Amino acid sequence: MKTFTILIVDDSAAMRSLLVSTLETLGTISIVQAPNGFEALRILPREQVDLILTDINMPDINGLELLSFIRNNPIYKDVPVVVISTEGSRKDIEKGLSLGANEYLVKPFQPEQLLEIVKRFL
């Protein structure tokens, strides 16, 4: 069985920890964490990731800038990206999806919602 690698990008250590503990229930996955978009960009060339979960509001490079970079880079453009953010207005969601997010999950969310989305992309 293939092990899938998920990159979690969020400046909140507590949120990263919550995401990790939720995702670990899926079993065969490997998780890589980045505290901001800048770190995520340093990780991407070194890790073969199957899915990226990113927050929007982060220092340095925010989630939308990270998303734009991913979608404009031929190496990563097909990697599914799920935005997980407290920014839940229709305008925010539309902006995330228009920049290429495959899915947009608003915090706070139920763990089942996250697992359902992740299973769809893996």
PDB file of N, CA and C in Angstrom:
ATOM      1  N   MET A   1       0.838  -1.190   0.000  1.00  0.00           N
ATOM      2  CA  MET A   1       0.000   0.000   0.000  1.00  0.00           C
ATOM      3  C   MET A   1       0.880   1.250   0.000  1.00  0.00           C
ATOM      4  N   LYS A   2       0.563   2.181  -0.876  1.00  0.00           N
ATOM      5  CA  LYS A   2       1.367   3.401  -1.001  1.00  0.00           C
ATOM      6  C   LYS A   2       1.208   4.282   0.240  1.00  0.00           C
ATOM      7  N   THR A   3       2.311   4.889   0.639  1.00  0.00           N
ATOM      8  CA  THR A   3       2.250   5.875   1.717  1.00  0.00           C
ATOM      9  C   THR A   3       2.141   7.236   1.064  1.00  0.00           C
ATOM     10  N   PHE A   4       1.125   7.994   1.439  1.00  0.00           N
ATOM     11  CA  PHE A   4       0.927   9.326   0.897  1.00  0.00           C
ATOM     12  C   PHE A   4       1.592  10.343   1.815  1.00  0.00           C
ATOM     13  N   THR A   5       2.159  11.386   1.206  1.00  0.00           N
ATOM     14  CA  THR A   5       2.798  12.434   1.983  1.00  0.00           C
ATOM     15  C   THR A   5       1.949  13.694   1.922  1.00  0.00           C
ATOM     16  N   ILE A   6       1.640  14.224   3.098  1.00  0.00           N
ATOM     17  CA  ILE A   6       0.831  15.436   3.206  1.00  0.00           C
ATOM     18  C   ILE A   6       1.688  16.534   3.817  1.00  0.00           C
ATOM     19  N   LEU A   7       1.696  17.688   3.179  1.00  0.00           N
ATOM     20  CA  LEU A   7       2.400  18.853   3.702  1.00  0.00           C
ATOM     21  C   LEU A   7       1.376  19.754   4.388  1.00  0.00           C
ATOM     22  N   ILE A   8       1.608  20.021   5.679  1.00  0.00           N
ATOM     23  CA  ILE A   8       0.733  20.906   6.448  1.00  0.00           C
ATOM     24  C   ILE A   8       1.466  22.233   6.627  1.00  0.00           C
ATOM     25  N   VAL A   9       0.836  23.324   6.182  1.00  0.00           N
ATOM     26  CA  VAL A   9       1.443  24.648   6.297  1.00  0.00           C
ATOM     27  C   VAL A   9       0.522  25.522   7.143  1.00  0.00           C
ATOM     28  N   ASP A  10       0.950  25.821   8.369  1.00  0.00           N
ATOM     29  CA  ASP A  10       0.137  26.642   9.269  1.00  0.00           C
ATOM     30  C   ASP A  10       1.063  27.234  10.321  1.00  0.00           C
ATOM     31  N   ASP A  11       0.897  28.523  10.610  1.00  0.00           N
ATOM     32  CA  ASP A  11       1.784  29.159  11.588  1.00  0.00           C
ATOM     33  C   ASP A  11       1.398  28.819  13.026  1.00  0.00           C
ATOM     34  N   SER A  12       0.247  28.195  13.219  1.00  0.00           N
ATOM     35  CA  SER A  12      -0.179  27.805  14.561  1.00  0.00           C
ATOM     36  C   SER A  12       0.262  26.362  14.852  1.00  0.00           C
ATOM     37  N   ALA A  13       1.159  26.224  15.834  1.00  0.00           N
ATOM     38  CA  ALA A  13       1.630  24.878  16.212  1.00  0.00           C
ATOM     39  C   ALA A  13       0.461  24.036  16.704  1.00  0.00           C
ATOM     40  N   ALA A  14      -0.486  24.662  17.406  1.00  0.00           N
ATOM     41  CA  ALA A  14      -1.650  23.929  17.919  1.00  0.00           C
ATOM     42  C   ALA A  14      -2.502  23.394  16.770  1.00  0.00           C
ATOM     43  N   MET A  15      -2.689  24.203  15.730  1.00  0.00           N
ATOM     44  CA  MET A  15      -3.481  23.764  14.572  1.00  0.00           C
ATOM     45  C   MET A  15      -2.753  22.659  13.822  1.00  0.00           C
ATOM     46  N   ARG A  16      -1.441  22.798  13.648  1.00  0.00           N
ATOM     47  CA  ARG A  16      -0.679  21.733  12.973  1.00  0.00           C
ATOM     48  C   ARG A  16      -0.806  20.429  13.750  1.00  0.00           C
ATOM     49  N   SER A  17      -0.723  20.528  15.063  1.00  0.00           N
ATOM     50  CA  SER A  17      -0.832  19.349  15.923  1.00  0.00           C
ATOM     51  C   SER A  17      -2.214  18.706  15.799  1.00  0.00           C
ATOM     52  N   LEU A  18      -3.267  19.521  15.755  1.00  0.00           N
ATOM     53  CA  LEU A  18      -4.634  19.017  15.588  1.00  0.00           C
ATOM     54  C   LEU A  18      -4.773  18.309  14.233  1.00  0.00           C
ATOM     55  N   LEU A  19      -4.237  18.927  13.189  1.00  0.00           N
ATOM     56  CA  LEU A  19      -4.311  18.331  11.848  1.00  0.00           C
ATOM     57  C   LEU A  19      -3.562  17.003  11.809  1.00  0.00           C
ATOM     58  N   VAL A  20      -2.370  16.970  12.407  1.00  0.00           N
ATOM     59  CA  VAL A  20      -1.576  15.738  12.430  1.00  0.00           C
ATOM     60  C   VAL A  20      -2.328  14.626  13.149  1.00  0.00           C
ATOM     61  N   SER A  21      -2.868  14.928  14.334  1.00  0.00           N
ATOM     62  CA  SER A  21      -3.552  13.869  15.091  1.00  0.00           C
ATOM     63  C   SER A  21      -4.807  13.383  14.364  1.00  0.00           C
ATOM     64  N   THR A  22      -5.487  14.278  13.657  1.00  0.00           N
ATOM     65  CA  THR A  22      -6.663  13.876  12.878  1.00  0.00           C
ATOM     66  C   THR A  22      -6.236  12.995  11.706  1.00  0.00           C
ATOM     67  N   LEU A  23      -5.209  13.425  10.984  1.00  0.00           N
ATOM     68  CA  LEU A  23      -4.770  12.705   9.786  1.00  0.00           C
ATOM     69  C   LEU A  23      -4.137  11.356  10.107  1.00  0.00           C
ATOM     70  N   GLU A  24      -3.511  11.243  11.265  1.00  0.00           N
ATOM     71  CA  GLU A  24      -2.863   9.978  11.627  1.00  0.00           C
ATOM     72  C   GLU A  24      -3.864   8.826  11.714  1.00  0.00           C
ATOM     73  N   THR A  25      -5.141   9.135  11.888  1.00  0.00           N
ATOM     74  CA  THR A  25      -6.157   8.085  11.940  1.00  0.00           C
ATOM     75  C   THR A  25      -6.320   7.400  10.578  1.00  0.00           C
ATOM     76  N   LEU A  26      -5.799   8.033   9.516  1.00  0.00           N
ATOM     77  CA  LEU A  26      -5.889   7.444   8.173  1.00  0.00           C
ATOM     78  C   LEU A  26      -4.897   6.306   7.967  1.00  0.00           C
ATOM     79  N   GLY A  27      -3.887   6.219   8.832  1.00  0.00           N
ATOM     80  CA  GLY A  27      -2.924   5.133   8.687  1.00  0.00           C
ATOM     81  C   GLY A  27      -1.752   5.456   7.804  1.00  0.00           C
ATOM     82  N   THR A  28      -1.764   4.940   6.574  1.00  0.00           N
ATOM     83  CA  THR A  28      -0.583   4.981   5.714  1.00  0.00           C
ATOM     84  C   THR A  28      -0.270   6.355   5.132  1.00  0.00           C
ATOM     85  N   ILE A  29       0.068   7.302   6.008  1.00  0.00           N
ATOM     86  CA  ILE A  29       0.452   8.617   5.514  1.00  0.00           C
ATOM     87  C   ILE A  29       1.708   9.089   6.232  1.00  0.00           C
ATOM     88  N   SER A  30       2.404   9.967   5.557  1.00  0.00           N
ATOM     89  CA  SER A  30       3.589  10.610   6.116  1.00  0.00           C
ATOM     90  C   SER A  30       3.259  12.097   6.131  1.00  0.00           C
ATOM     91  N   ILE A  31       3.623  12.779   7.212  1.00  0.00           N
ATOM     92  CA  ILE A  31       3.266  14.193   7.335  1.00  0.00           C
ATOM     93  C   ILE A  31       4.522  15.039   7.471  1.00  0.00           C
ATOM     94  N   VAL A  32       4.566  16.108   6.677  1.00  0.00           N
ATOM     95  CA  VAL A  32       5.652  17.074   6.747  1.00  0.00           C
ATOM     96  C   VAL A  32       4.995  18.390   7.159  1.00  0.00           C
ATOM     97  N   GLN A  33       5.651  19.133   8.067  1.00  0.00           N
ATOM     98  CA  GLN A  33       5.052  20.375   8.561  1.00  0.00           C
ATOM     99  C   GLN A  33       5.920  21.588   8.254  1.00  0.00           C
ATOM    100  N   ALA A  34       5.243  22.703   7.965  1.00  0.00           N
ATOM    101  CA  ALA A  34       5.931  23.981   7.756  1.00  0.00           C
ATOM    102  C   ALA A  34       5.156  25.063   8.512  1.00  0.00           C
ATOM    103  N   PRO A  35       5.873  25.936   9.245  1.00  0.00           N
ATOM    104  CA  PRO A  35       5.196  26.991  10.005  1.00  0.00           C
ATOM    105  C   PRO A  35       4.784  28.199   9.159  1.00  0.00           C
ATOM    106  N   ASN A  36       5.199  28.234   7.887  1.00  0.00           N
ATOM    107  CA  ASN A  36       4.814  29.342   7.006  1.00  0.00           C
ATOM    108  C   ASN A  36       5.080  28.955   5.551  1.00  0.00           C
ATOM    109  N   GLY A  37       4.617  29.810   4.649  1.00  0.00           N
ATOM    110  CA  GLY A  37       4.766  29.541   3.219  1.00  0.00           C
ATOM    111  C   GLY A  37       6.210  29.481   2.769  1.00  0.00           C
ATOM    112  N   PHE A  38       7.058  30.303   3.403  1.00  0.00           N
ATOM    113  CA  PHE A  38       8.476  30.316   3.048  1.00  0.00           C
ATOM    114  C   PHE A  38       9.103  28.947   3.310  1.00  0.00           C
ATOM    115  N   GLU A  39       8.833  28.384   4.492  1.00  0.00           N
ATOM    116  CA  GLU A  39       9.350  27.050   4.822  1.00  0.00           C
ATOM    117  C   GLU A  39       8.774  26.002   3.870  1.00  0.00           C
ATOM    118  N   ALA A  40       7.501  26.149   3.529  1.00  0.00           N
ATOM    119  CA  ALA A  40       6.864  25.197   2.600  1.00  0.00           C
ATOM    120  C   ALA A  40       7.603  25.191   1.264  1.00  0.00           C
ATOM    121  N   LEU A  41       7.996  26.368   0.798  1.00  0.00           N
ATOM    122  CA  LEU A  41       8.721  26.457  -0.472  1.00  0.00           C
ATOM    123  C   LEU A  41      10.103  25.819  -0.363  1.00  0.00           C
ATOM    124  N   ARG A  42      10.682  25.805   0.823  1.00  0.00           N
ATOM    125  CA  ARG A  42      11.975  25.148   1.024  1.00  0.00           C
ATOM    126  C   ARG A  42      11.805  23.629   1.069  1.00  0.00           C
ATOM    127  N   ILE A  43      10.655  23.175   1.561  1.00  0.00           N
ATOM    128  CA  ILE A  43      10.387  21.733   1.690  1.00  0.00           C
ATOM    129  C   ILE A  43      10.010  21.096   0.346  1.00  0.00           C
ATOM    130  N   LEU A  44       9.215  21.806  -0.451  1.00  0.00           N
ATOM    131  CA  LEU A  44       8.688  21.228  -1.695  1.00  0.00           C
ATOM    132  C   LEU A  44       9.733  20.549  -2.599  1.00  0.00           C
ATOM    133  N   PRO A  45      10.883  21.157  -2.846  1.00  0.00           N
ATOM    134  CA  PRO A  45      11.854  20.476  -3.722  1.00  0.00           C
ATOM    135  C   PRO A  45      12.438  19.200  -3.104  1.00  0.00           C
ATOM    136  N   ARG A  46      12.368  19.079  -1.783  1.00  0.00           N
ATOM    137  CA  ARG A  46      12.986  17.930  -1.103  1.00  0.00           C
ATOM    138  C   ARG A  46      12.009  16.784  -0.840  1.00  0.00           C
ATOM    139  N   GLU A  47      10.717  17.070  -0.880  1.00  0.00           N
ATOM    140  CA  GLU A  47       9.712  16.049  -0.547  1.00  0.00           C
ATOM    141  C   GLU A  47       8.750  15.859  -1.713  1.00  0.00           C
ATOM    142  N   GLN A  48       8.388  14.619  -1.973  1.00  0.00           N
ATOM    143  CA  GLN A  48       7.372  14.325  -2.991  1.00  0.00           C
ATOM    144  C   GLN A  48       6.036  14.338  -2.253  1.00  0.00           C
ATOM    145  N   VAL A  49       5.295  15.463  -2.335  1.00  0.00           N
ATOM    146  CA  VAL A  49       4.042  15.536  -1.576  1.00  0.00           C
ATOM    147  C   VAL A  49       2.840  15.215  -2.462  1.00  0.00           C
ATOM    148  N   ASP A  50       1.850  14.549  -1.852  1.00  0.00           N
ATOM    149  CA  ASP A  50       0.636  14.156  -2.580  1.00  0.00           C
ATOM    150  C   ASP A  50      -0.518  15.107  -2.322  1.00  0.00           C
ATOM    151  N   LEU A  51      -0.391  15.910  -1.247  1.00  0.00           N
ATOM    152  CA  LEU A  51      -1.468  16.823  -0.869  1.00  0.00           C
ATOM    153  C   LEU A  51      -0.876  17.912   0.011  1.00  0.00           C
ATOM    154  N   ILE A  52      -1.384  19.142  -0.168  1.00  0.00           N
ATOM    155  CA  ILE A  52      -0.942  20.266   0.669  1.00  0.00           C
ATOM    156  C   ILE A  52      -2.157  20.846   1.368  1.00  0.00           C
ATOM    157  N   LEU A  53      -2.049  20.994   2.694  1.00  0.00           N
ATOM    158  CA  LEU A  53      -3.081  21.663   3.488  1.00  0.00           C
ATOM    159  C   LEU A  53      -2.448  22.963   3.962  1.00  0.00           C
ATOM    160  N   THR A  54      -3.039  24.108   3.614  1.00  0.00           N
ATOM    161  CA  THR A  54      -2.432  25.371   4.002  1.00  0.00           C
ATOM    162  C   THR A  54      -3.423  26.358   4.604  1.00  0.00           C
ATOM    163  N   ASP A  55      -2.940  27.081   5.585  1.00  0.00           N
ATOM    164  CA  ASP A  55      -3.670  28.194   6.172  1.00  0.00           C
ATOM    165  C   ASP A  55      -3.472  29.380   5.220  1.00  0.00           C
ATOM    166  N   ILE A  56      -4.238  30.463   5.414  1.00  0.00           N
ATOM    167  CA  ILE A  56      -4.023  31.661   4.602  1.00  0.00           C
ATOM    168  C   ILE A  56      -3.179  32.673   5.363  1.00  0.00           C
ATOM    169  N   ASN A  57      -3.617  33.016   6.579  1.00  0.00           N
ATOM    170  CA  ASN A  57      -2.954  34.074   7.338  1.00  0.00           C
ATOM    171  C   ASN A  57      -1.701  33.574   8.036  1.00  0.00           C
ATOM    172  N   MET A  58      -0.547  33.878   7.399  1.00  0.00           N
ATOM    173  CA  MET A  58       0.740  33.472   7.964  1.00  0.00           C
ATOM    174  C   MET A  58       1.759  34.571   7.676  1.00  0.00           C
ATOM    175  N   PRO A  59       2.803  34.648   8.521  1.00  0.00           N
ATOM    176  CA  PRO A  59       3.867  35.620   8.247  1.00  0.00           C
ATOM    177  C   PRO A  59       4.667  35.203   7.015  1.00  0.00           C
ATOM    178  N   ASP A  60       5.511  36.077   6.521  1.00  0.00           N
ATOM    179  CA  ASP A  60       6.362  35.838   5.347  1.00  0.00           C
ATOM    180  C   ASP A  60       5.507  35.644   4.101  1.00  0.00           C
ATOM    181  N   ILE A  61       5.344  34.408   3.696  1.00  0.00           N
ATOM    182  CA  ILE A  61       4.550  34.097   2.497  1.00  0.00           C
ATOM    183  C   ILE A  61       3.234  33.498   2.969  1.00  0.00           C
ATOM    184  N   ASN A  62       2.111  34.160   2.649  1.00  0.00           N
ATOM    185  CA  ASN A  62       0.824  33.630   3.121  1.00  0.00           C
ATOM    186  C   ASN A  62       0.333  32.498   2.222  1.00  0.00           C
ATOM    187  N   GLY A  63      -0.766  31.886   2.641  1.00  0.00           N
ATOM    188  CA  GLY A  63      -1.287  30.725   1.925  1.00  0.00           C
ATOM    189  C   GLY A  63      -1.703  30.998   0.496  1.00  0.00           C
ATOM    190  N   LEU A  64      -2.225  32.198   0.230  1.00  0.00           N
ATOM    191  CA  LEU A  64      -2.651  32.512  -1.136  1.00  0.00           C
ATOM    192  C   LEU A  64      -1.434  32.710  -2.041  1.00  0.00           C
ATOM    193  N   GLU A  65      -0.376  33.312  -1.501  1.00  0.00           N
ATOM    194  CA  GLU A  65       0.859  33.470  -2.285  1.00  0.00           C
ATOM    195  C   GLU A  65       1.487  32.100  -2.557  1.00  0.00           C
ATOM    196  N   LEU A  66       1.448  31.241  -1.550  1.00  0.00           N
ATOM    197  CA  LEU A  66       1.967  29.876  -1.706  1.00  0.00           C
ATOM    198  C   LEU A  66       1.168  29.137  -2.788  1.00  0.00           C
ATOM    199  N   LEU A  67      -0.149  29.269  -2.724  1.00  0.00           N
ATOM    200  CA  LEU A  67      -1.040  28.636  -3.698  1.00  0.00           C
ATOM    201  C   LEU A  67      -0.727  29.115  -5.112  1.00  0.00           C
ATOM    202  N   SER A  68      -0.540  30.423  -5.273  1.00  0.00           N
ATOM    203  CA  SER A  68      -0.209  30.977  -6.597  1.00  0.00           C
ATOM    204  C   SER A  68       1.098  30.402  -7.111  1.00  0.00           C
ATOM    205  N   PHE A  69       2.102  30.312  -6.231  1.00  0.00           N
ATOM    206  CA  PHE A  69       3.392  29.754  -6.628  1.00  0.00           C
ATOM    207  C   PHE A  69       3.230  28.313  -7.102  1.00  0.00           C
ATOM    208  N   ILE A  70       2.490  27.520  -6.314  1.00  0.00           N
ATOM    209  CA  ILE A  70       2.291  26.102  -6.641  1.00  0.00           C
ATOM    210  C   ILE A  70       1.603  25.947  -8.000  1.00  0.00           C
ATOM    211  N   ARG A  71       0.536  26.712  -8.206  1.00  0.00           N
ATOM    212  CA  ARG A  71      -0.225  26.589  -9.456  1.00  0.00           C
ATOM    213  C   ARG A  71       0.549  27.082 -10.672  1.00  0.00           C
ATOM    214  N   ASN A  72       1.510  27.983 -10.459  1.00  0.00           N
ATOM    215  CA  ASN A  72       2.299  28.515 -11.580  1.00  0.00           C
ATOM    216  C   ASN A  72       3.597  27.761 -11.804  1.00  0.00           C
ATOM    217  N   ASN A  73       3.832  26.709 -11.030  1.00  0.00           N
ATOM    218  CA  ASN A  73       5.056  25.937 -11.160  1.00  0.00           C
ATOM    219  C   ASN A  73       4.714  24.575 -11.779  1.00  0.00           C
ATOM    220  N   PRO A  74       5.281  24.274 -12.956  1.00  0.00           N
ATOM    221  CA  PRO A  74       4.935  23.019 -13.647  1.00  0.00           C
ATOM    222  C   PRO A  74       5.177  21.754 -12.817  1.00  0.00           C
ATOM    223  N   ILE A  75       6.142  21.809 -11.896  1.00  0.00           N
ATOM    224  CA  ILE A  75       6.452  20.626 -11.086  1.00  0.00           C
ATOM    225  C   ILE A  75       5.335  20.329 -10.079  1.00  0.00           C
ATOM    226  N   TYR A  76       4.720  21.388  -9.528  1.00  0.00           N
ATOM    227  CA  TYR A  76       3.750  21.207  -8.435  1.00  0.00           C
ATOM    228  C   TYR A  76       2.309  21.501  -8.822  1.00  0.00           C
ATOM    229  N   LYS A  77       2.088  21.978 -10.054  1.00  0.00           N
ATOM    230  CA  LYS A  77       0.755  22.487 -10.414  1.00  0.00           C
ATOM    231  C   LYS A  77      -0.383  21.487 -10.261  1.00  0.00           C
ATOM    232  N   ASP A  78      -0.062  20.172 -10.296  1.00  0.00           N
ATOM    233  CA  ASP A  78      -1.112  19.166 -10.185  1.00  0.00           C
ATOM    234  C   ASP A  78      -1.310  18.624  -8.769  1.00  0.00           C
ATOM    235  N   VAL A  79      -0.518  19.129  -7.814  1.00  0.00           N
ATOM    236  CA  VAL A  79      -0.663  18.680  -6.427  1.00  0.00           C
ATOM    237  C   VAL A  79      -1.929  19.314  -5.843  1.00  0.00           C
ATOM    238  N   PRO A  80      -2.845  18.502  -5.304  1.00  0.00           N
ATOM    239  CA  PRO A  80      -4.058  19.079  -4.717  1.00  0.00           C
ATOM    240  C   PRO A  80      -3.719  19.951  -3.511  1.00  0.00           C
ATOM    241  N   VAL A  81      -4.394  21.101  -3.423  1.00  0.00           N
ATOM    242  CA  VAL A  81      -4.187  22.019  -2.304  1.00  0.00           C
ATOM    243  C   VAL A  81      -5.530  22.291  -1.643  1.00  0.00           C
ATOM    244  N   VAL A  82      -5.567  22.110  -0.321  1.00  0.00           N
ATOM    245  CA  VAL A  82      -6.763  22.416   0.458  1.00  0.00           C
ATOM    246  C   VAL A  82      -6.419  23.591   1.366  1.00  0.00           C
ATOM    247  N   VAL A  83      -7.180  24.676   1.224  1.00  0.00           N
ATOM    248  CA  VAL A  83      -7.000  25.831   2.103  1.00  0.00           C
ATOM    249  C   VAL A  83      -7.844  25.588   3.349  1.00  0.00           C
ATOM    250  N   ILE A  84      -7.224  25.770   4.522  1.00  0.00           N
ATOM    251  CA  ILE A  84      -7.936  25.636   5.793  1.00  0.00           C
ATOM    252  C   ILE A  84      -7.740  26.959   6.521  1.00  0.00           C
ATOM    253  N   SER A  85      -8.810  27.747   6.639  1.00  0.00           N
ATOM    254  CA  SER A  85      -8.650  29.098   7.150  1.00  0.00           C
ATOM    255  C   SER A  85      -9.836  29.558   7.983  1.00  0.00           C
ATOM    256  N   THR A  86      -9.581  30.560   8.830  1.00  0.00           N
ATOM    257  CA  THR A  86     -10.670  31.200   9.578  1.00  0.00           C
ATOM    258  C   THR A  86     -11.383  32.205   8.682  1.00  0.00           C
ATOM    259  N   GLU A  87     -10.752  32.549   7.557  1.00  0.00           N
ATOM    260  CA  GLU A  87     -11.359  33.494   6.607  1.00  0.00           C
ATOM    261  C   GLU A  87     -12.469  32.762   5.868  1.00  0.00           C
ATOM    262  N   GLY A  88     -13.705  32.951   6.337  1.00  0.00           N
ATOM    263  CA  GLY A  88     -14.785  32.142   5.790  1.00  0.00           C
ATOM    264  C   GLY A  88     -15.823  32.879   4.973  1.00  0.00           C
ATOM    265  N   SER A  89     -15.550  34.135   4.607  1.00  0.00           N
ATOM    266  CA  SER A  89     -16.547  34.862   3.811  1.00  0.00           C
ATOM    267  C   SER A  89     -16.582  34.290   2.396  1.00  0.00           C
ATOM    268  N   ARG A  90     -17.702  34.508   1.724  1.00  0.00           N
ATOM    269  CA  ARG A  90     -17.854  34.026   0.343  1.00  0.00           C
ATOM    270  C   ARG A  90     -16.713  34.570  -0.524  1.00  0.00           C
ATOM    271  N   LYS A  91     -16.354  35.847  -0.296  1.00  0.00           N
ATOM    272  CA  LYS A  91     -15.287  36.493  -1.072  1.00  0.00           C
ATOM    273  C   LYS A  91     -13.951  35.780  -0.849  1.00  0.00           C
ATOM    274  N   ASP A  92     -13.639  35.442   0.398  1.00  0.00           N
ATOM    275  CA  ASP A  92     -12.382  34.748   0.715  1.00  0.00           C
ATOM    276  C   ASP A  92     -12.345  33.368   0.065  1.00  0.00           C
ATOM    277  N   ILE A  93     -13.459  32.656   0.186  1.00  0.00           N
ATOM    278  CA  ILE A  93     -13.538  31.304  -0.377  1.00  0.00           C
ATOM    279  C   ILE A  93     -13.389  31.354  -1.896  1.00  0.00           C
ATOM    280  N   GLU A  94     -14.099  32.302  -2.530  1.00  0.00           N
ATOM    281  CA  GLU A  94     -14.013  32.428  -3.991  1.00  0.00           C
ATOM    282  C   GLU A  94     -12.596  32.771  -4.428  1.00  0.00           C
ATOM    283  N   LYS A  95     -11.924  33.637  -3.648  1.00  0.00           N
ATOM    284  CA  LYS A  95     -10.549  34.013  -3.997  1.00  0.00           C
ATOM    285  C   LYS A  95      -9.633  32.791  -3.921  1.00  0.00           C
ATOM    286  N   GLY A  96      -9.752  32.016  -2.846  1.00  0.00           N
ATOM    287  CA  GLY A  96      -8.925  30.812  -2.692  1.00  0.00           C
ATOM    288  C   GLY A  96      -9.148  29.831  -3.823  1.00  0.00           C
ATOM    289  N   LEU A  97     -10.416  29.604  -4.161  1.00  0.00           N
ATOM    290  CA  LEU A  97     -10.733  28.648  -5.233  1.00  0.00           C
ATOM    291  C   LEU A  97     -10.286  29.189  -6.592  1.00  0.00           C
ATOM    292  N   SER A  98     -10.429  30.510  -6.803  1.00  0.00           N
ATOM    293  CA  SER A  98     -10.035  31.085  -8.098  1.00  0.00           C
ATOM    294  C   SER A  98      -8.520  31.024  -8.284  1.00  0.00           C
ATOM    295  N   LEU A  99      -7.767  31.027  -7.180  1.00  0.00           N
ATOM    296  CA  LEU A  99      -6.304  30.917  -7.273  1.00  0.00           C
ATOM    297  C   LEU A  99      -5.854  29.469  -7.467  1.00  0.00           C
ATOM    298  N   GLY A 100      -6.816  28.534  -7.385  1.00  0.00           N
ATOM    299  CA  GLY A 100      -6.468  27.154  -7.687  1.00  0.00           C
ATOM    300  C   GLY A 100      -6.596  26.162  -6.543  1.00  0.00           C
ATOM    301  N   ALA A 101      -7.155  26.597  -5.411  1.00  0.00           N
ATOM    302  CA  ALA A 101      -7.363  25.632  -4.324  1.00  0.00           C
ATOM    303  C   ALA A 101      -8.366  24.587  -4.797  1.00  0.00           C
ATOM    304  N   ASN A 102      -8.127  23.329  -4.455  1.00  0.00           N
ATOM    305  CA  ASN A 102      -9.051  22.259  -4.829  1.00  0.00           C
ATOM    306  C   ASN A 102     -10.239  22.224  -3.883  1.00  0.00           C
ATOM    307  N   GLU A 103     -10.010  22.713  -2.675  1.00  0.00           N
ATOM    308  CA  GLU A 103     -11.062  22.684  -1.644  1.00  0.00           C
ATOM    309  C   GLU A 103     -10.741  23.771  -0.637  1.00  0.00           C
ATOM    310  N   TYR A 104     -11.788  24.269   0.034  1.00  0.00           N
ATOM    311  CA  TYR A 104     -11.613  25.333   1.020  1.00  0.00           C
ATOM    312  C   TYR A 104     -12.399  24.930   2.256  1.00  0.00           C
ATOM    313  N   LEU A 105     -11.697  24.754   3.372  1.00  0.00           N
ATOM    314  CA  LEU A 105     -12.324  24.329   4.621  1.00  0.00           C
ATOM    315  C   LEU A 105     -12.190  25.464   5.625  1.00  0.00           C
ATOM    316  N   VAL A 106     -13.327  25.869   6.203  1.00  0.00           N
ATOM    317  CA  VAL A 106     -13.314  26.990   7.151  1.00  0.00           C
ATOM    318  C   VAL A 106     -13.149  26.474   8.579  1.00  0.00           C
ATOM    319  N   LYS A 107     -12.217  27.107   9.320  1.00  0.00           N
ATOM    320  CA  LYS A 107     -12.010  26.791  10.742  1.00  0.00           C
ATOM    321  C   LYS A 107     -13.090  27.513  11.540  1.00  0.00           C
ATOM    322  N   PRO A 108     -13.582  26.958  12.622  1.00  0.00           N
ATOM    323  CA  PRO A 108     -13.324  25.596  13.086  1.00  0.00           C
ATOM    324  C   PRO A 108     -14.107  24.587  12.240  1.00  0.00           C
ATOM    325  N   PHE A 109     -13.576  23.393  12.123  1.00  0.00           N
ATOM    326  CA  PHE A 109     -14.210  22.354  11.315  1.00  0.00           C
ATOM    327  C   PHE A 109     -14.270  21.080  12.131  1.00  0.00           C
ATOM    328  N   GLN A 110     -15.087  20.149  11.677  1.00  0.00           N
ATOM    329  CA  GLN A 110     -15.168  18.835  12.315  1.00  0.00           C
ATOM    330  C   GLN A 110     -14.070  17.948  11.719  1.00  0.00           C
ATOM    331  N   PRO A 111     -13.394  17.141  12.540  1.00  0.00           N
ATOM    332  CA  PRO A 111     -12.354  16.246  12.010  1.00  0.00           C
ATOM    333  C   PRO A 111     -12.859  15.389  10.848  1.00  0.00           C
ATOM    334  N   GLU A 112     -14.126  14.969  10.914  1.00  0.00           N
ATOM    335  CA  GLU A 112     -14.687  14.127   9.837  1.00  0.00           C
ATOM    336  C   GLU A 112     -14.683  14.879   8.511  1.00  0.00           C
ATOM    337  N   GLN A 113     -14.935  16.199   8.559  1.00  0.00           N
ATOM    338  CA  GLN A 113     -14.938  16.991   7.322  1.00  0.00           C
ATOM    339  C   GLN A 113     -13.556  16.939   6.673  1.00  0.00           C
ATOM    340  N   LEU A 114     -12.533  17.124   7.497  1.00  0.00           N
ATOM    341  CA  LEU A 114     -11.162  17.103   6.995  1.00  0.00           C
ATOM    342  C   LEU A 114     -10.827  15.735   6.408  1.00  0.00           C
ATOM    343  N   LEU A 115     -11.156  14.676   7.127  1.00  0.00           N
ATOM    344  CA  LEU A 115     -10.835  13.322   6.667  1.00  0.00           C
ATOM    345  C   LEU A 115     -11.531  13.001   5.347  1.00  0.00           C
ATOM    346  N   GLU A 116     -12.771  13.441   5.231  1.00  0.00           N
ATOM    347  CA  GLU A 116     -13.537  13.212   3.998  1.00  0.00           C
ATOM    348  C   GLU A 116     -12.827  13.882   2.799  1.00  0.00           C
ATOM    349  N   ILE A 117     -12.406  15.125   2.996  1.00  0.00           N
ATOM    350  CA  ILE A 117     -11.731  15.872   1.923  1.00  0.00           C
ATOM    351  C   ILE A 117     -10.407  15.198   1.561  1.00  0.00           C
ATOM    352  N   VAL A 118      -9.618  14.876   2.579  1.00  0.00           N
ATOM    353  CA  VAL A 118      -8.301  14.279   2.351  1.00  0.00           C
ATOM    354  C   VAL A 118      -8.434  12.947   1.605  1.00  0.00           C
ATOM    355  N   LYS A 119      -9.391  12.113   2.016  1.00  0.00           N
ATOM    356  CA  LYS A 119      -9.587  10.821   1.343  1.00  0.00           C
ATOM    357  C   LYS A 119      -9.920  11.000  -0.125  1.00  0.00           C
ATOM    358  N   ARG A 120     -10.640  12.060  -0.456  1.00  0.00           N
ATOM    359  CA  ARG A 120     -11.017  12.321  -1.838  1.00  0.00           C
ATOM    360  C   ARG A 120      -9.785  12.565  -2.720  1.00  0.00           C
ATOM    361  N   PHE A 121      -8.750  13.188  -2.148  1.00  0.00           N
ATOM    362  CA  PHE A 121      -7.564  13.531  -2.954  1.00  0.00           C
ATOM    363  C   PHE A 121      -6.465  12.471  -2.891  1.00  0.00           C
ATOM    364  N   LEU A 122      -6.553  11.534  -1.969  1.00  0.00           N
ATOM    365  CA  LEU A 122      -5.526  10.496  -1.890  1.00  0.00           C
ATOM    366  C   LEU A 122      -6.104   9.234  -2.413  1.00  0.00           C
TER     367      LEU A 122
END
